[in-house]
């Protein structure tokens, strides 16, 4: 978990479902997703409150997404991570990324044992910039 090689492998993937993506530009989830979209990643918003975010159709849950998802990027409180990790496993995602401050060791361990690459309590934007400079 959080190994440099794991992070590198994750950044080679291209489709990111962003759970908890906000429509508000000042929110971290919006800034991170907009950045990742701007550097070529396919962003799939997961937020039941909105039809579209960042120009992409938004889904209520991971299970509703009709295309394969590589990375599940989570912007939800730590106590909400377990069912998200379970759904990431169920939809055969390849990686689970828990953003800054999102820590759920049990969910992370479960995802890892199911074969997902896992990063916890770290920022995709910050890591992407540091790996690509």
Protein backbone atom coordinates (compact mmCIF):
# COMPACT_ATOMS: atom_id res chain seq x y z
CA UNK A 1 0.00 0.00 0.00
CA UNK A 2 1.21 3.52 -0.92
CA UNK A 3 4.38 2.06 -2.46
CA UNK A 4 6.00 4.14 -5.24
CA UNK A 5 5.67 1.18 -7.62
CA UNK A 6 1.95 0.84 -6.77
CA UNK A 7 1.40 4.54 -7.44
CA UNK A 8 3.26 4.30 -10.77
CA UNK A 9 1.11 1.32 -11.85
CA UNK A 10 -2.06 3.21 -10.92
CA UNK A 11 -1.04 6.24 -12.99
CA UNK A 12 -0.64 3.96 -16.03
CA UNK A 13 -4.40 3.26 -15.81
CA UNK A 14 -6.85 5.61 -17.54
CA UNK A 15 -10.43 5.43 -16.21
CA UNK A 16 -11.15 6.94 -12.80
CA UNK A 17 -14.50 6.80 -10.99
CA UNK A 18 -14.46 9.69 -8.51
CA UNK A 19 -16.76 8.89 -5.57
CA UNK A 20 -17.97 12.05 -3.87
CA UNK A 21 -17.06 14.36 -6.76
CA UNK A 22 -18.40 17.84 -6.03
CA UNK A 23 -19.75 20.35 -8.54
CA UNK A 24 -18.11 23.15 -6.51
CA UNK A 25 -14.77 24.24 -8.03
CA UNK A 26 -13.38 25.16 -4.60
CA UNK A 27 -13.74 21.60 -3.28
CA UNK A 28 -10.72 19.29 -3.38
CA UNK A 29 -12.63 16.56 -5.23
CA UNK A 30 -13.48 18.98 -8.05
CA UNK A 31 -9.93 20.38 -8.32
CA UNK A 32 -8.32 16.92 -8.32
CA UNK A 33 -10.76 15.46 -10.87
CA UNK A 34 -10.49 18.53 -13.15
CA UNK A 35 -6.70 18.27 -13.05
CA UNK A 36 -6.72 14.53 -13.82
CA UNK A 37 -9.21 15.12 -16.64
CA UNK A 38 -6.95 17.87 -18.05
CA UNK A 39 -3.98 15.50 -18.24
CA UNK A 40 -5.90 12.81 -20.13
CA UNK A 41 -7.69 10.60 -17.62
CA UNK A 42 -11.32 9.61 -18.21
CA UNK A 43 -13.28 10.87 -15.19
CA UNK A 44 -16.55 9.22 -14.20
CA UNK A 45 -18.36 11.18 -11.46
CA UNK A 46 -20.13 9.19 -8.73
CA UNK A 47 -22.51 11.56 -6.94
CA UNK A 48 -26.25 10.80 -6.75
CA UNK A 49 -27.13 14.50 -6.43
CA UNK A 50 -26.14 15.53 -9.95
CA UNK A 51 -26.70 14.47 -13.57
CA UNK A 52 -23.39 15.85 -14.88
CA UNK A 53 -20.13 17.01 -13.33
CA UNK A 54 -17.13 18.26 -15.33
CA UNK A 55 -19.10 17.58 -18.50
CA UNK A 56 -19.45 13.86 -17.69
CA UNK A 57 -22.55 11.87 -16.79
CA UNK A 58 -22.71 11.32 -13.04
CA UNK A 59 -23.79 8.00 -11.53
CA UNK A 60 -25.41 7.27 -8.17
CA UNK A 61 -23.20 4.25 -7.44
CA UNK A 62 -20.19 2.45 -8.86
CA UNK A 63 -22.46 -0.44 -9.90
CA UNK A 64 -24.38 1.82 -12.32
CA UNK A 65 -21.30 2.67 -14.39
CA UNK A 66 -21.67 0.85 -17.74
CA UNK A 67 -17.95 0.76 -18.63
CA UNK A 68 -14.94 -0.86 -16.94
CA UNK A 69 -13.39 1.27 -14.16
CA UNK A 70 -9.66 1.13 -13.48
CA UNK A 71 -9.40 3.33 -10.39
CA UNK A 72 -11.95 4.18 -7.70
CA UNK A 73 -10.87 7.51 -6.20
CA UNK A 74 -12.67 8.19 -2.91
CA UNK A 75 -13.57 11.61 -1.50
CA UNK A 76 -15.85 10.41 1.31
CA UNK A 77 -15.40 10.26 5.05
CA UNK A 78 -13.46 7.26 6.31
CA UNK A 79 -16.51 5.62 7.89
CA UNK A 80 -18.21 5.45 4.45
CA UNK A 81 -15.35 3.64 2.71
CA UNK A 82 -16.21 -0.02 3.43
CA UNK A 83 -19.23 -0.29 1.10
CA UNK A 84 -17.34 1.68 -1.57
CA UNK A 85 -14.40 -0.75 -1.33
CA UNK A 86 -16.84 -3.67 -1.57
CA UNK A 87 -18.38 -2.17 -4.72
CA UNK A 88 -14.93 -1.50 -6.19
CA UNK A 89 -14.16 -5.20 -5.74
CA UNK A 90 -17.56 -6.18 -7.17
CA UNK A 91 -17.10 -4.11 -10.35
CA UNK A 92 -13.56 -5.49 -10.83
CA UNK A 93 -11.79 -2.17 -10.44
CA UNK A 94 -8.01 -2.47 -10.50
CA UNK A 95 -7.22 0.14 -7.83
CA UNK A 96 -8.70 1.91 -4.83
CA UNK A 97 -7.34 5.36 -3.98
CA UNK A 98 -8.38 6.97 -0.69
CA UNK A 99 -7.65 10.69 -0.74
CA UNK A 100 -5.99 12.82 1.97
CA UNK A 101 -7.55 12.15 5.37
CA UNK A 102 -9.52 9.11 4.17
CA UNK A 103 -8.28 6.21 6.28
CA UNK A 104 -9.99 2.85 6.58
CA UNK A 105 -7.45 0.10 7.14
CA UNK A 106 -10.02 -2.71 7.10
CA UNK A 107 -11.48 -1.63 3.74
CA UNK A 108 -8.00 -1.08 2.29
CA UNK A 109 -6.84 -4.54 3.43
CA UNK A 110 -9.98 -6.15 2.00
CA UNK A 111 -9.42 -4.43 -1.36
CA UNK A 112 -5.74 -5.46 -1.38
CA UNK A 113 -6.61 -9.08 -0.62
CA UNK A 114 -9.08 -9.00 -3.50
CA UNK A 115 -6.19 -7.99 -5.79
CA UNK A 116 -6.69 -4.22 -6.04
CA UNK A 117 -3.78 -1.82 -5.81
CA UNK A 118 -4.43 0.48 -2.85
CA UNK A 119 -3.30 3.95 -1.86
CA UNK A 120 -4.64 5.45 1.37
CA UNK A 121 -4.51 8.97 2.84
CA UNK A 122 -2.78 10.54 -0.17
CA UNK A 123 -3.69 12.94 -2.98
CA UNK A 124 -3.79 11.79 -6.61
CA UNK A 125 -3.11 15.31 -7.91
CA UNK A 126 -0.07 15.84 -5.70
CA UNK A 127 1.32 12.38 -6.44
CA UNK A 128 0.69 12.74 -10.19
CA UNK A 129 2.53 16.08 -10.27
CA UNK A 130 5.47 14.67 -8.30
CA UNK A 131 5.71 11.59 -10.56
CA UNK A 132 5.48 13.61 -13.76
CA UNK A 133 7.92 16.45 -13.11
